[in-house]
N, C-alpha and C. Protein backbone atom coordinates (compact mmCIF):
# COMPACT_ATOMS: atom_id res chain seq x y z
N UNK A 1 96.09 67.88 121.61
CA UNK A 1 97.13 68.28 120.65
C UNK A 1 96.53 69.11 119.51
N UNK A 2 95.36 68.66 119.00
CA UNK A 2 94.70 69.37 117.92
C UNK A 2 94.27 70.76 118.35
N UNK A 3 93.80 70.86 119.61
CA UNK A 3 93.37 72.15 120.12
C UNK A 3 94.55 73.12 120.22
N UNK A 4 95.71 72.61 120.60
CA UNK A 4 96.92 73.45 120.70
C UNK A 4 97.32 73.96 119.32
N UNK A 5 97.24 73.07 118.32
CA UNK A 5 97.58 73.46 116.95
C UNK A 5 96.60 74.52 116.44
N UNK A 6 95.33 74.32 116.74
CA UNK A 6 94.31 75.28 116.30
C UNK A 6 94.54 76.64 116.93
N UNK A 7 94.92 76.66 118.19
CA UNK A 7 95.17 77.93 118.88
C UNK A 7 96.36 78.66 118.25
N UNK A 8 97.40 77.89 117.89
CA UNK A 8 98.58 78.48 117.24
C UNK A 8 98.20 79.05 115.88
N UNK A 9 97.41 78.29 115.10
CA UNK A 9 96.98 78.74 113.78
C UNK A 9 96.14 80.02 113.89
N UNK A 10 95.22 80.02 114.85
CA UNK A 10 94.37 81.20 115.05
C UNK A 10 95.19 82.41 115.46
N UNK A 11 96.17 82.19 116.37
CA UNK A 11 97.03 83.29 116.83
C UNK A 11 97.84 83.87 115.67
N UNK A 12 98.41 82.98 114.84
CA UNK A 12 99.19 83.44 113.68
C UNK A 12 98.28 84.21 112.71
N UNK A 13 97.07 83.70 112.52
CA UNK A 13 96.12 84.35 111.62
C UNK A 13 95.77 85.75 112.12
N UNK A 14 95.57 85.89 113.42
CA UNK A 14 95.24 87.20 114.00
C UNK A 14 96.40 88.17 113.80
N UNK A 15 97.62 87.69 113.99
CA UNK A 15 98.81 88.54 113.78
C UNK A 15 98.89 88.99 112.33
N UNK A 16 98.63 88.06 111.40
CA UNK A 16 98.65 88.38 109.97
C UNK A 16 97.58 89.42 109.64
N UNK A 17 96.39 89.26 110.20
CA UNK A 17 95.30 90.21 109.95
C UNK A 17 95.66 91.60 110.46
N UNK A 18 96.22 91.68 111.65
CA UNK A 18 96.62 92.97 112.22
C UNK A 18 97.70 93.62 111.35
N UNK A 19 98.69 92.80 110.95
CA UNK A 19 99.77 93.32 110.10
C UNK A 19 99.21 93.78 108.75
N UNK A 20 98.25 93.03 108.21
CA UNK A 20 97.64 93.39 106.93
C UNK A 20 96.86 94.69 107.01
N UNK A 21 96.14 94.88 108.12
CA UNK A 21 95.38 96.12 108.30
C UNK A 21 96.33 97.31 108.40
N UNK A 22 97.42 97.13 109.15
CA UNK A 22 98.42 98.20 109.29
C UNK A 22 99.02 98.54 107.93
N UNK A 23 99.38 97.51 107.16
CA UNK A 23 99.97 97.72 105.83
C UNK A 23 98.98 98.42 104.90
N UNK A 24 97.71 98.02 104.97
CA UNK A 24 96.69 98.63 104.11
C UNK A 24 96.49 100.10 104.46
N UNK A 25 96.54 100.43 105.75
CA UNK A 25 96.37 101.81 106.19
C UNK A 25 97.57 102.66 105.79
N UNK A 26 98.77 102.10 105.97
CA UNK A 26 100.01 102.86 105.73
C UNK A 26 100.31 102.98 104.22
N UNK A 27 100.22 101.86 103.49
CA UNK A 27 100.64 101.86 102.08
C UNK A 27 99.49 101.63 101.11
N UNK A 28 98.34 101.21 101.62
CA UNK A 28 97.23 100.90 100.73
C UNK A 28 97.47 99.56 100.03
N UNK A 29 96.55 99.20 99.15
CA UNK A 29 96.70 97.96 98.38
C UNK A 29 97.49 98.24 97.10
N UNK A 30 98.13 97.21 96.60
CA UNK A 30 98.88 97.32 95.36
C UNK A 30 97.97 96.94 94.20
N UNK A 31 97.43 97.95 93.53
CA UNK A 31 96.48 97.69 92.45
C UNK A 31 97.19 97.35 91.15
N UNK A 32 96.57 96.50 90.37
CA UNK A 32 97.02 96.20 89.02
C UNK A 32 97.03 97.49 88.21
N UNK A 33 97.88 97.54 87.18
CA UNK A 33 98.04 98.77 86.39
C UNK A 33 96.70 99.34 85.91
N UNK A 34 95.78 98.47 85.51
CA UNK A 34 94.49 98.93 84.99
C UNK A 34 93.68 99.67 86.04
N UNK A 35 94.01 99.49 87.30
CA UNK A 35 93.22 100.09 88.38
C UNK A 35 93.98 101.21 89.10
N UNK A 36 95.17 101.57 88.61
CA UNK A 36 95.96 102.64 89.22
C UNK A 36 95.67 103.98 88.54
N UNK A 37 96.25 105.06 89.09
CA UNK A 37 96.27 106.35 88.39
C UNK A 37 97.15 106.17 87.16
N UNK A 38 96.60 106.33 85.99
CA UNK A 38 97.36 106.07 84.77
C UNK A 38 97.09 107.13 83.71
N UNK A 39 97.85 107.02 82.63
CA UNK A 39 97.64 107.86 81.46
C UNK A 39 97.36 106.94 80.27
N UNK A 40 96.53 107.43 79.36
CA UNK A 40 96.16 106.61 78.20
C UNK A 40 96.16 107.44 76.94
N UNK A 41 96.63 106.84 75.87
CA UNK A 41 96.50 107.47 74.55
C UNK A 41 95.85 106.46 73.61
N UNK A 42 95.08 106.98 72.66
CA UNK A 42 94.38 106.14 71.70
C UNK A 42 94.70 106.59 70.29
N UNK A 43 95.02 105.63 69.44
CA UNK A 43 95.36 105.94 68.06
C UNK A 43 94.50 105.11 67.11
N UNK A 44 93.95 105.75 66.09
CA UNK A 44 93.18 105.06 65.07
C UNK A 44 94.13 104.70 63.93
N UNK A 45 94.62 103.49 63.93
CA UNK A 45 95.58 103.05 62.93
C UNK A 45 94.90 102.81 61.58
N UNK A 46 93.65 102.37 61.61
CA UNK A 46 92.89 102.22 60.38
C UNK A 46 93.18 100.95 59.60
N UNK A 47 93.94 100.06 60.19
CA UNK A 47 94.23 98.78 59.55
C UNK A 47 94.56 97.76 60.65
N UNK A 48 94.60 96.51 60.27
CA UNK A 48 94.94 95.47 61.24
C UNK A 48 96.40 95.61 61.68
N UNK A 49 96.65 95.32 62.93
CA UNK A 49 98.01 95.42 63.46
C UNK A 49 98.23 94.34 64.51
N UNK A 50 99.48 94.09 64.81
CA UNK A 50 99.84 93.12 65.84
C UNK A 50 100.07 93.84 67.17
N UNK A 51 99.46 93.31 68.21
CA UNK A 51 99.60 93.92 69.53
C UNK A 51 101.07 93.94 69.97
N UNK A 52 101.80 92.89 69.63
CA UNK A 52 103.22 92.81 70.02
C UNK A 52 104.06 93.91 69.37
N UNK A 53 103.70 94.29 68.15
CA UNK A 53 104.43 95.37 67.47
C UNK A 53 104.22 96.70 68.21
N UNK A 54 102.97 96.95 68.62
CA UNK A 54 102.69 98.18 69.36
C UNK A 54 103.37 98.15 70.72
N UNK A 55 103.39 96.97 71.34
CA UNK A 55 104.05 96.83 72.64
C UNK A 55 105.53 97.12 72.54
N UNK A 56 106.16 96.67 71.45
CA UNK A 56 107.58 96.92 71.23
C UNK A 56 107.84 98.42 71.05
N UNK A 57 106.96 99.09 70.32
CA UNK A 57 107.10 100.54 70.12
C UNK A 57 106.93 101.27 71.45
N UNK A 58 105.94 100.82 72.24
CA UNK A 58 105.69 101.44 73.55
C UNK A 58 106.90 101.27 74.47
N UNK A 59 107.49 100.08 74.44
CA UNK A 59 108.66 99.83 75.28
C UNK A 59 109.83 100.72 74.88
N UNK A 60 109.95 100.97 73.58
CA UNK A 60 111.05 101.80 73.06
C UNK A 60 110.82 103.28 73.37
N UNK A 61 109.59 103.73 73.34
CA UNK A 61 109.33 105.18 73.43
C UNK A 61 108.80 105.65 74.79
N UNK A 62 108.19 104.75 75.55
CA UNK A 62 107.58 105.16 76.82
C UNK A 62 108.44 104.82 78.03
N UNK A 63 109.61 104.31 77.79
CA UNK A 63 110.51 104.00 78.90
C UNK A 63 110.24 102.63 79.49
N UNK A 64 111.01 102.32 80.51
CA UNK A 64 110.91 101.00 81.15
C UNK A 64 109.80 101.01 82.19
N UNK A 65 108.56 100.85 81.73
CA UNK A 65 107.41 100.81 82.62
C UNK A 65 106.38 99.85 82.05
N UNK A 66 105.56 99.24 82.90
CA UNK A 66 104.52 98.33 82.41
C UNK A 66 103.51 99.09 81.55
N UNK A 67 103.03 98.45 80.51
CA UNK A 67 102.00 99.04 79.65
C UNK A 67 100.93 98.00 79.37
N UNK A 68 99.73 98.48 79.09
CA UNK A 68 98.63 97.60 78.69
C UNK A 68 98.18 98.03 77.30
N UNK A 69 98.28 97.11 76.35
CA UNK A 69 97.92 97.40 74.96
C UNK A 69 96.60 96.69 74.66
N UNK A 70 95.62 97.46 74.16
CA UNK A 70 94.33 96.88 73.82
C UNK A 70 93.88 97.33 72.44
N UNK A 71 93.34 96.38 71.68
CA UNK A 71 92.70 96.73 70.42
C UNK A 71 91.30 97.23 70.74
N UNK A 72 90.91 98.32 70.11
CA UNK A 72 89.59 98.90 70.37
C UNK A 72 88.86 99.15 69.05
N UNK A 73 87.64 99.63 69.14
CA UNK A 73 86.74 99.86 68.02
C UNK A 73 86.21 98.52 67.48
N UNK A 74 85.19 98.58 66.66
CA UNK A 74 84.50 97.39 66.18
C UNK A 74 85.43 96.48 65.37
N UNK A 75 86.23 97.09 64.50
CA UNK A 75 87.09 96.31 63.62
C UNK A 75 88.50 96.11 64.21
N UNK A 76 88.67 96.51 65.46
CA UNK A 76 89.96 96.37 66.14
C UNK A 76 91.11 96.97 65.33
N UNK A 77 90.82 98.14 64.72
CA UNK A 77 91.84 98.82 63.93
C UNK A 77 92.35 100.08 64.63
N UNK A 78 92.03 100.18 65.91
CA UNK A 78 92.54 101.28 66.74
C UNK A 78 93.16 100.67 67.99
N UNK A 79 94.03 101.43 68.64
CA UNK A 79 94.75 100.88 69.78
C UNK A 79 94.68 101.84 70.97
N UNK A 80 94.59 101.26 72.13
CA UNK A 80 94.64 102.01 73.39
C UNK A 80 95.90 101.59 74.12
N UNK A 81 96.69 102.57 74.56
CA UNK A 81 97.93 102.30 75.28
C UNK A 81 97.82 102.90 76.68
N UNK A 82 97.92 102.06 77.68
CA UNK A 82 97.79 102.50 79.06
C UNK A 82 99.14 102.35 79.76
N UNK A 83 99.58 103.40 80.45
CA UNK A 83 100.86 103.37 81.16
C UNK A 83 100.75 104.23 82.41
N UNK A 84 101.68 104.03 83.33
CA UNK A 84 101.66 104.79 84.57
C UNK A 84 101.79 106.28 84.30
N UNK A 85 102.64 106.63 83.36
CA UNK A 85 102.82 108.04 83.01
C UNK A 85 103.24 108.15 81.55
N UNK A 86 102.70 109.13 80.87
CA UNK A 86 103.06 109.40 79.47
C UNK A 86 103.26 110.90 79.33
N UNK A 87 104.49 111.30 79.04
CA UNK A 87 104.78 112.73 78.84
C UNK A 87 104.45 113.11 77.40
N UNK A 88 104.44 114.40 77.13
CA UNK A 88 104.16 114.87 75.77
C UNK A 88 105.25 114.41 74.81
N UNK A 89 106.48 114.42 75.29
CA UNK A 89 107.59 113.98 74.44
C UNK A 89 107.45 112.49 74.11
N UNK A 90 107.11 111.70 75.12
CA UNK A 90 106.92 110.27 74.90
C UNK A 90 105.76 110.01 73.94
N UNK A 91 104.69 110.79 74.08
CA UNK A 91 103.57 110.65 73.16
C UNK A 91 104.00 110.94 71.73
N UNK A 92 104.75 112.01 71.55
CA UNK A 92 105.21 112.38 70.20
C UNK A 92 106.08 111.29 69.60
N UNK A 93 107.01 110.77 70.40
CA UNK A 93 107.90 109.70 69.93
C UNK A 93 107.11 108.44 69.58
N UNK A 94 106.11 108.13 70.40
CA UNK A 94 105.30 106.94 70.16
C UNK A 94 104.53 107.07 68.85
N UNK A 95 103.86 108.19 68.66
CA UNK A 95 103.07 108.41 67.44
C UNK A 95 103.98 108.39 66.21
N UNK A 96 105.16 108.99 66.33
CA UNK A 96 106.12 109.01 65.21
C UNK A 96 106.51 107.59 64.81
N UNK A 97 106.79 106.75 65.79
CA UNK A 97 107.18 105.38 65.51
C UNK A 97 106.03 104.57 64.90
N UNK A 98 104.82 104.83 65.37
CA UNK A 98 103.65 104.15 64.80
C UNK A 98 103.46 104.58 63.35
N UNK A 99 103.64 105.87 63.08
CA UNK A 99 103.54 106.37 61.70
C UNK A 99 104.56 105.68 60.80
N UNK A 100 105.79 105.54 61.30
CA UNK A 100 106.86 104.90 60.52
C UNK A 100 106.54 103.43 60.27
N UNK A 101 105.99 102.77 61.30
CA UNK A 101 105.72 101.34 61.20
C UNK A 101 104.60 101.04 60.21
N UNK A 102 103.55 101.88 60.20
CA UNK A 102 102.37 101.57 59.40
C UNK A 102 102.13 102.55 58.25
N UNK A 103 103.10 103.43 57.99
CA UNK A 103 102.98 104.36 56.88
C UNK A 103 101.83 105.33 57.06
N UNK A 104 101.67 105.86 58.27
CA UNK A 104 100.56 106.77 58.58
C UNK A 104 101.04 108.20 58.72
N UNK A 105 100.10 109.10 58.88
CA UNK A 105 100.43 110.51 59.10
C UNK A 105 99.61 111.05 60.28
N UNK A 106 99.61 110.31 61.36
CA UNK A 106 98.87 110.72 62.55
C UNK A 106 99.55 111.92 63.19
N UNK A 107 98.75 112.85 63.68
CA UNK A 107 99.26 114.07 64.31
C UNK A 107 99.38 113.86 65.81
N UNK A 108 100.61 113.89 66.31
CA UNK A 108 100.85 113.68 67.74
C UNK A 108 100.17 114.74 68.59
N UNK A 109 100.14 115.97 68.10
CA UNK A 109 99.55 117.08 68.87
C UNK A 109 98.05 116.89 69.06
N UNK A 110 97.42 116.17 68.14
CA UNK A 110 95.98 115.95 68.24
C UNK A 110 95.64 114.67 69.01
N UNK A 111 96.67 113.97 69.43
CA UNK A 111 96.47 112.76 70.22
C UNK A 111 96.44 113.12 71.69
N UNK A 112 95.29 113.02 72.28
CA UNK A 112 95.11 113.45 73.67
C UNK A 112 95.70 112.44 74.66
N UNK A 113 96.37 112.97 75.69
CA UNK A 113 96.83 112.14 76.80
C UNK A 113 95.72 112.16 77.85
N UNK A 114 95.04 111.03 78.01
CA UNK A 114 93.88 110.95 78.90
C UNK A 114 94.32 110.50 80.29
N UNK A 115 93.93 111.24 81.30
CA UNK A 115 94.23 110.86 82.68
C UNK A 115 93.14 109.95 83.20
N UNK A 116 93.53 108.77 83.67
CA UNK A 116 92.57 107.78 84.18
C UNK A 116 92.75 107.65 85.69
N UNK A 117 91.75 108.06 86.50
CA UNK A 117 91.88 107.97 87.96
C UNK A 117 91.88 106.52 88.44
N UNK A 118 92.50 106.29 89.60
CA UNK A 118 92.59 104.93 90.12
C UNK A 118 91.24 104.44 90.63
N UNK A 119 91.10 103.12 90.67
CA UNK A 119 89.88 102.49 91.15
C UNK A 119 90.02 102.18 92.63
N UNK A 120 89.03 102.57 93.42
CA UNK A 120 89.04 102.24 94.84
C UNK A 120 88.61 100.78 95.02
N UNK A 121 89.10 100.18 96.10
CA UNK A 121 88.76 98.79 96.38
C UNK A 121 87.26 98.62 96.51
N UNK A 122 86.59 99.59 97.13
CA UNK A 122 85.14 99.49 97.31
C UNK A 122 84.41 99.50 95.96
N UNK A 123 84.98 100.24 94.98
CA UNK A 123 84.36 100.27 93.65
C UNK A 123 84.49 98.92 92.95
N UNK A 124 85.58 98.21 93.28
CA UNK A 124 85.82 96.91 92.66
C UNK A 124 84.86 95.85 93.20
N UNK A 125 84.58 95.93 94.51
CA UNK A 125 83.77 94.88 95.13
C UNK A 125 82.28 95.24 95.25
N UNK A 126 81.94 96.52 95.06
CA UNK A 126 80.54 96.95 95.20
C UNK A 126 79.54 96.11 94.42
N UNK A 127 79.82 95.77 93.13
CA UNK A 127 78.83 95.00 92.36
C UNK A 127 78.56 93.61 92.95
N UNK A 128 79.46 93.14 93.80
CA UNK A 128 79.33 91.77 94.32
C UNK A 128 78.76 91.72 95.74
N UNK A 129 78.60 92.86 96.38
CA UNK A 129 78.19 92.88 97.78
C UNK A 129 76.79 92.29 97.96
N UNK A 130 75.81 92.80 97.20
CA UNK A 130 74.43 92.32 97.35
C UNK A 130 74.30 90.83 97.01
N UNK A 131 74.89 90.35 95.88
CA UNK A 131 74.84 88.90 95.61
C UNK A 131 75.47 88.08 96.72
N UNK A 132 76.58 88.59 97.31
CA UNK A 132 77.25 87.89 98.40
C UNK A 132 76.32 87.79 99.60
N UNK A 133 75.66 88.90 99.92
CA UNK A 133 74.77 88.93 101.09
C UNK A 133 73.60 87.97 100.89
N UNK A 134 72.99 88.00 99.69
CA UNK A 134 71.85 87.13 99.40
C UNK A 134 72.27 85.65 99.48
N UNK A 135 73.42 85.33 98.86
CA UNK A 135 73.90 83.95 98.88
C UNK A 135 74.20 83.50 100.31
N UNK A 136 74.81 84.40 101.09
CA UNK A 136 75.17 84.06 102.46
C UNK A 136 73.93 83.83 103.32
N UNK A 137 72.91 84.66 103.14
CA UNK A 137 71.67 84.49 103.90
C UNK A 137 71.02 83.15 103.57
N UNK A 138 70.97 82.82 102.28
CA UNK A 138 70.39 81.53 101.87
C UNK A 138 71.16 80.36 102.48
N UNK A 139 72.50 80.47 102.44
CA UNK A 139 73.34 79.39 102.99
C UNK A 139 73.15 79.27 104.49
N UNK A 140 73.06 80.40 105.19
CA UNK A 140 72.87 80.38 106.64
C UNK A 140 71.52 79.77 107.00
N UNK A 141 70.49 80.06 106.20
CA UNK A 141 69.18 79.46 106.43
C UNK A 141 69.26 77.95 106.27
N UNK A 142 69.97 77.52 105.22
CA UNK A 142 70.14 76.08 105.00
C UNK A 142 70.88 75.43 106.17
N UNK A 143 71.96 76.08 106.60
CA UNK A 143 72.75 75.54 107.71
C UNK A 143 71.91 75.45 108.99
N UNK A 144 71.12 76.51 109.22
CA UNK A 144 70.25 76.51 110.40
C UNK A 144 69.26 75.35 110.36
N UNK A 145 68.72 75.07 109.17
CA UNK A 145 67.76 73.97 109.03
C UNK A 145 68.44 72.60 109.11
N UNK A 146 69.57 72.51 108.45
CA UNK A 146 70.27 71.23 108.38
C UNK A 146 70.86 70.83 109.74
N UNK A 147 71.39 71.79 110.46
CA UNK A 147 72.08 71.49 111.72
C UNK A 147 71.37 72.09 112.93
N UNK A 148 70.03 72.07 112.90
CA UNK A 148 69.26 72.66 113.99
C UNK A 148 69.49 71.95 115.33
N UNK A 149 69.93 70.71 115.28
CA UNK A 149 70.20 69.98 116.51
C UNK A 149 71.48 70.44 117.20
N UNK A 150 72.28 71.28 116.52
CA UNK A 150 73.56 71.74 117.08
C UNK A 150 73.48 73.16 117.64
N UNK A 151 72.31 73.61 117.99
CA UNK A 151 72.08 74.97 118.49
C UNK A 151 72.18 75.97 117.33
N UNK A 152 71.04 76.40 116.85
CA UNK A 152 70.94 77.20 115.62
C UNK A 152 71.76 78.49 115.69
N UNK A 153 71.55 79.30 116.73
CA UNK A 153 72.22 80.60 116.82
C UNK A 153 73.74 80.45 116.88
N UNK A 154 74.18 79.47 117.63
CA UNK A 154 75.62 79.23 117.75
C UNK A 154 76.22 78.81 116.41
N UNK A 155 75.52 77.96 115.69
CA UNK A 155 76.01 77.48 114.39
C UNK A 155 76.06 78.62 113.37
N UNK A 156 74.99 79.44 113.34
CA UNK A 156 74.96 80.58 112.41
C UNK A 156 76.07 81.57 112.73
N UNK A 157 76.23 81.90 114.01
CA UNK A 157 77.25 82.86 114.43
C UNK A 157 78.65 82.35 114.09
N UNK A 158 78.87 81.06 114.31
CA UNK A 158 80.18 80.46 114.03
C UNK A 158 80.49 80.50 112.53
N UNK A 159 79.48 80.19 111.72
CA UNK A 159 79.66 80.20 110.26
C UNK A 159 79.98 81.60 109.76
N UNK A 160 79.20 82.59 110.23
CA UNK A 160 79.43 83.97 109.81
C UNK A 160 80.83 84.44 110.23
N UNK A 161 81.24 84.07 111.43
CA UNK A 161 82.56 84.46 111.92
C UNK A 161 83.67 83.85 111.06
N UNK A 162 83.55 82.57 110.74
CA UNK A 162 84.59 81.89 109.95
C UNK A 162 84.69 82.50 108.55
N UNK A 163 83.54 82.78 107.94
CA UNK A 163 83.53 83.38 106.59
C UNK A 163 84.20 84.76 106.61
N UNK A 164 83.82 85.60 107.57
CA UNK A 164 84.40 86.94 107.67
C UNK A 164 85.88 86.88 108.01
N UNK A 165 86.23 86.00 108.94
CA UNK A 165 87.63 85.85 109.36
C UNK A 165 88.50 85.42 108.17
N UNK A 166 87.98 84.49 107.36
CA UNK A 166 88.73 84.00 106.19
C UNK A 166 88.96 85.11 105.18
N UNK A 167 87.94 85.97 104.97
CA UNK A 167 88.09 87.08 104.02
C UNK A 167 89.08 88.12 104.55
N UNK A 168 89.03 88.40 105.85
CA UNK A 168 90.00 89.33 106.44
C UNK A 168 91.42 88.80 106.28
N UNK A 169 91.58 87.51 106.48
CA UNK A 169 92.90 86.90 106.33
C UNK A 169 93.39 86.99 104.89
N UNK A 170 92.49 86.74 103.94
CA UNK A 170 92.85 86.82 102.52
C UNK A 170 93.32 88.22 102.16
N UNK A 171 92.54 89.25 102.51
CA UNK A 171 92.91 90.62 102.16
C UNK A 171 94.15 91.08 102.90
N UNK A 172 94.38 90.53 104.09
CA UNK A 172 95.61 90.86 104.82
C UNK A 172 96.83 90.28 104.11
N UNK A 173 96.70 89.05 103.62
CA UNK A 173 97.80 88.42 102.88
C UNK A 173 98.06 89.19 101.58
N UNK A 174 96.98 89.60 100.90
CA UNK A 174 97.13 90.40 99.68
C UNK A 174 97.84 91.71 99.98
N UNK A 175 97.47 92.34 101.10
CA UNK A 175 98.08 93.62 101.50
C UNK A 175 99.56 93.45 101.83
N UNK A 176 99.91 92.42 102.59
CA UNK A 176 101.29 92.20 103.05
C UNK A 176 102.20 91.79 101.89
N UNK A 177 101.72 90.86 101.07
CA UNK A 177 102.56 90.33 99.98
C UNK A 177 102.57 91.23 98.76
N UNK A 178 101.70 92.26 98.76
CA UNK A 178 101.59 93.22 97.65
C UNK A 178 101.14 92.55 96.35
N UNK A 179 100.34 91.51 96.49
CA UNK A 179 99.72 90.90 95.31
C UNK A 179 98.83 91.94 94.65
N UNK A 180 98.97 92.17 93.35
CA UNK A 180 98.15 93.21 92.69
C UNK A 180 96.66 92.92 92.80
N UNK A 181 95.90 93.93 93.19
CA UNK A 181 94.44 93.82 93.22
C UNK A 181 93.93 94.10 91.81
N UNK A 182 93.20 93.15 91.25
CA UNK A 182 92.73 93.31 89.89
C UNK A 182 91.69 92.27 89.52
N UNK A 183 91.76 91.78 88.30
CA UNK A 183 90.72 90.87 87.80
C UNK A 183 90.73 89.52 88.51
N UNK A 184 91.83 89.14 89.14
CA UNK A 184 91.89 87.85 89.83
C UNK A 184 91.43 87.94 91.29
N UNK A 185 91.21 89.14 91.78
CA UNK A 185 90.87 89.32 93.19
C UNK A 185 89.53 88.70 93.53
N UNK A 186 88.50 88.98 92.74
CA UNK A 186 87.17 88.44 93.02
C UNK A 186 87.16 86.90 92.95
N UNK A 187 87.79 86.27 91.95
CA UNK A 187 87.86 84.80 91.98
C UNK A 187 88.55 84.27 93.23
N UNK A 188 89.59 84.98 93.72
CA UNK A 188 90.24 84.57 94.95
C UNK A 188 89.28 84.67 96.13
N UNK A 189 88.51 85.76 96.17
CA UNK A 189 87.53 85.96 97.24
C UNK A 189 86.49 84.83 97.21
N UNK A 190 86.00 84.50 96.02
CA UNK A 190 85.00 83.45 95.88
C UNK A 190 85.55 82.09 96.31
N UNK A 191 86.81 81.84 95.95
CA UNK A 191 87.44 80.56 96.31
C UNK A 191 87.55 80.42 97.83
N UNK A 192 88.03 81.46 98.49
CA UNK A 192 88.17 81.43 99.95
C UNK A 192 86.79 81.33 100.60
N UNK A 193 85.81 82.02 100.03
CA UNK A 193 84.43 81.98 100.54
C UNK A 193 83.90 80.55 100.51
N UNK A 194 84.07 79.88 99.37
CA UNK A 194 83.59 78.51 99.23
C UNK A 194 84.34 77.55 100.15
N UNK A 195 85.66 77.72 100.25
CA UNK A 195 86.46 76.84 101.11
C UNK A 195 86.06 76.99 102.57
N UNK A 196 85.77 78.22 102.99
CA UNK A 196 85.36 78.44 104.39
C UNK A 196 84.02 77.77 104.66
N UNK A 197 83.10 77.81 103.68
CA UNK A 197 81.81 77.15 103.85
C UNK A 197 81.94 75.63 103.86
N UNK A 198 82.82 75.12 103.01
CA UNK A 198 83.08 73.68 102.99
C UNK A 198 83.65 73.22 104.32
N UNK A 199 84.57 74.02 104.86
CA UNK A 199 85.16 73.72 106.17
C UNK A 199 84.05 73.65 107.23
N UNK A 200 83.16 74.64 107.21
CA UNK A 200 82.07 74.70 108.20
C UNK A 200 81.15 73.48 108.10
N UNK A 201 80.72 73.18 106.88
CA UNK A 201 79.77 72.07 106.71
C UNK A 201 80.41 70.73 107.09
N UNK A 202 81.67 70.54 106.73
CA UNK A 202 82.36 69.30 107.12
C UNK A 202 82.44 69.16 108.64
N UNK A 203 82.73 70.29 109.29
CA UNK A 203 82.82 70.30 110.75
C UNK A 203 81.46 70.00 111.39
N UNK A 204 80.41 70.61 110.84
CA UNK A 204 79.08 70.40 111.40
C UNK A 204 78.57 68.99 111.15
N UNK A 205 78.95 68.41 110.01
CA UNK A 205 78.55 67.03 109.73
C UNK A 205 79.12 66.08 110.77
N UNK A 206 80.37 66.29 111.14
CA UNK A 206 81.00 65.45 112.16
C UNK A 206 80.33 65.65 113.51
N UNK A 207 80.05 66.92 113.84
CA UNK A 207 79.41 67.21 115.12
C UNK A 207 77.99 66.64 115.17
N UNK A 208 77.29 66.71 114.04
CA UNK A 208 75.93 66.17 113.98
C UNK A 208 75.93 64.65 114.14
N UNK A 209 76.89 64.00 113.51
CA UNK A 209 77.01 62.54 113.62
C UNK A 209 77.29 62.15 115.06
N UNK A 210 78.21 62.88 115.71
CA UNK A 210 78.52 62.60 117.11
C UNK A 210 77.30 62.82 117.99
N UNK A 211 76.56 63.88 117.69
CA UNK A 211 75.36 64.21 118.47
C UNK A 211 74.31 63.07 118.33
N UNK A 212 74.13 62.59 117.11
CA UNK A 212 73.16 61.51 116.86
C UNK A 212 73.60 60.23 117.54
N UNK A 213 74.91 59.93 117.47
CA UNK A 213 75.43 58.70 118.10
C UNK A 213 75.22 58.74 119.61
N UNK A 214 75.43 59.92 120.20
CA UNK A 214 75.30 60.03 121.66
C UNK A 214 73.85 59.85 122.09
N UNK A 215 72.94 60.34 121.26
CA UNK A 215 71.52 60.30 121.64
C UNK A 215 70.76 59.09 121.11
N UNK A 216 71.49 58.12 120.61
CA UNK A 216 70.81 56.89 120.14
C UNK A 216 71.28 55.69 120.94
C-alpha cells in the first residue's frame, strides 16, 4: 500500500515539475518588484520624513501600481521610490507634492528617472552555488561514511537525486503558482534542502537498523 502511495506521489511530482518547466519557459518566473524591470527616482528631502507619507504621495501621483519606498543616505533624509513605470508627468506631480508636503523647492526636471534592469534568476542564486556544492559534498561524505553498510554509491546517488528532485519541485511550484521570486526564495530553497536531507537520513537510519537486525 505504501509503495502504491509513493508511486502516486512521485507521478504527481513529475507532472508538476514538467508543468513548472513549461510555465517557466513560456512565462518565466514572477519576480518581486525589486527584481523586475523598474524605474526609480531619488529625492534629497534634507530632513526626517515618514515613509508612509511618501507612500501616500506615490499612490496619489504614480497611479495604482506597487511601489517600494526606501530611506537612503547616512541620515536617512533622502528617499528612493521604485515603481514598475514612472513617466515624466508622474515624476513632476510626485516632486510637486513632496515640495508641498515638506516646504521644499526641489526641481522635477533635475530629478532623474533611473531605469533599473531586471535580475535574472541565475544572478539571484549565483552567490549561493559554491557554498551549496561544498555543503552537499561534505554531507554526502558523511552519509557515505555513516551508511557504508547500505552500499555507498547507491546511497550517495539516491541522496543527490532526492535533493535535486526536491529543488526542481520547489521551483516548479513557484513557477506555476506565480509566487514572487525575491528575498524569501533562498530561505525557501534552504528549507526544502534541509527537509530533503532529513528525509534521507531518517530513511537510511531505518534501513541501517533493519540491516543490522538481519545480520545479528
